Amino acid sequence: MAGITDPRPPLPEWILECYDRLCSQACQPDHGGDGVPLIDYDDATDILTADTELALEQRDVEYALTRLLERGYFYEVENELRVKSPEEQ
């Protein structure tokens, strides 16, 4: 995530709204592991595309997910987006 010393501008509000929506849909893994909330990448795109309040096109969804990954809000493992815990950010 962008910190105080991060020279990059903050993410736009609509991208942060995408993050909030996905975090609310993320689940704890059933199979042990590290217990990090996760969501399948394809499910994430489906959720954001179907959200009528956000009203995003496919390319907007892909852009938002790319920006969230680049900024460290999520990390990707085997086509799953995992939510970073606050101590990791």
Protein backbone atom coordinates (compact mmCIF):
# COMPACT_ATOMS: atom_id res chain seq x y z
CA MET A 1 0.00 0.00 0.00
CA ALA A 2 1.11 3.55 -0.52
CA GLY A 3 2.77 4.77 2.65
CA ILE A 4 3.69 8.21 3.89
CA THR A 5 7.04 8.04 2.10
CA ASP A 6 5.53 6.66 -1.09
CA PRO A 7 5.97 9.30 -3.83
CA ARG A 8 3.15 7.82 -5.91
CA PRO A 9 -0.25 9.51 -5.76
CA PRO A 10 -2.96 7.64 -3.85
CA LEU A 11 -5.17 5.23 -5.73
CA PRO A 12 -8.42 6.66 -7.08
CA GLU A 13 -11.47 6.19 -4.87
CA TRP A 14 -13.17 3.85 -7.36
CA ILE A 15 -10.23 1.43 -7.16
CA LEU A 16 -10.34 1.50 -3.36
CA GLU A 17 -14.06 0.74 -3.60
CA CYS A 18 -13.18 -2.31 -5.71
CA TYR A 19 -10.76 -3.39 -2.98
CA ASP A 20 -13.43 -3.02 -0.29
CA ARG A 21 -15.93 -5.05 -2.33
CA LEU A 22 -13.42 -7.83 -2.89
CA CYS A 23 -12.33 -7.91 0.75
CA SER A 24 -15.94 -8.33 1.80
CA GLN A 25 -16.21 -11.33 -0.57
CA ALA A 26 -12.84 -12.90 0.30
CA CYS A 27 -13.00 -16.08 2.34
CA GLN A 28 -10.70 -17.96 4.65
CA PRO A 29 -9.14 -20.98 2.94
CA ASP A 30 -10.73 -24.32 3.84
CA HIS A 31 -7.52 -26.27 3.54
CA GLY A 32 -5.23 -25.15 6.38
CA GLY A 33 -2.53 -23.03 4.83
CA ASP A 34 -1.68 -19.63 6.18
CA GLY A 35 -5.25 -18.51 6.89
CA VAL A 36 -4.98 -15.48 4.60
CA PRO A 37 -8.34 -14.34 3.16
CA LEU A 38 -8.44 -15.02 -0.57
CA ILE A 39 -10.59 -14.77 -3.64
CA ASP A 40 -10.17 -16.47 -7.00
CA TYR A 41 -9.02 -14.03 -9.70
CA ASP A 42 -11.86 -14.99 -12.04
CA ASP A 43 -14.40 -14.64 -9.22
CA ALA A 44 -12.98 -11.20 -8.44
CA THR A 45 -13.45 -10.06 -12.04
CA ASP A 46 -16.99 -11.48 -12.08
CA ILE A 47 -17.90 -9.73 -8.83
CA LEU A 48 -16.60 -6.35 -9.97
CA THR A 49 -18.10 -6.62 -13.45
CA ALA A 50 -21.52 -7.56 -12.04
CA ASP A 51 -21.55 -4.78 -9.42
CA THR A 52 -24.12 -2.31 -10.78
CA GLU A 53 -23.11 0.39 -8.32
CA LEU A 54 -19.53 0.40 -9.62
CA ALA A 55 -20.69 -0.01 -13.26
CA LEU A 56 -17.26 -1.05 -14.54
CA GLU A 57 -16.35 -2.46 -17.92
CA GLN A 58 -14.03 -5.47 -18.19
CA ARG A 59 -10.97 -3.34 -18.99
CA ASP A 60 -11.67 -1.13 -15.94
CA VAL A 61 -11.85 -4.22 -13.72
CA GLU A 62 -8.55 -5.51 -15.10
CA TYR A 63 -6.95 -2.10 -14.57
CA ALA A 64 -8.19 -1.93 -10.97
CA LEU A 65 -6.91 -5.42 -10.15
CA THR A 66 -3.54 -4.64 -11.72
CA ARG A 67 -3.20 -1.44 -9.69
CA LEU A 68 -4.20 -3.22 -6.45
CA LEU A 69 -1.62 -5.94 -7.11
CA GLU A 70 1.09 -3.41 -7.98
CA ARG A 71 0.43 -1.42 -4.83
CA GLY A 72 0.44 -4.49 -2.60
CA TYR A 73 -3.18 -4.56 -1.53
CA PHE A 74 -3.26 -8.15 -2.80
CA TYR A 75 -0.69 -10.70 -3.83
CA GLU A 76 -1.37 -13.47 -6.31
CA VAL A 77 -0.74 -17.18 -5.77
CA GLU A 78 -1.96 -19.78 -8.26
CA ASN A 79 -4.68 -17.53 -9.71
CA GLU A 80 -5.94 -16.50 -6.25
CA LEU A 81 -5.81 -12.98 -4.89
CA ARG A 82 -4.77 -12.98 -1.25
CA VAL A 83 -5.43 -10.04 1.01
CA LYS A 84 -2.33 -8.68 2.68
CA SER A 85 -2.58 -8.36 6.43
CA PRO A 86 -1.91 -4.91 7.95
CA GLU A 87 1.47 -6.00 9.35
CA GLU A 88 2.58 -7.00 5.83
CA GLN A 89 1.69 -3.64 4.29
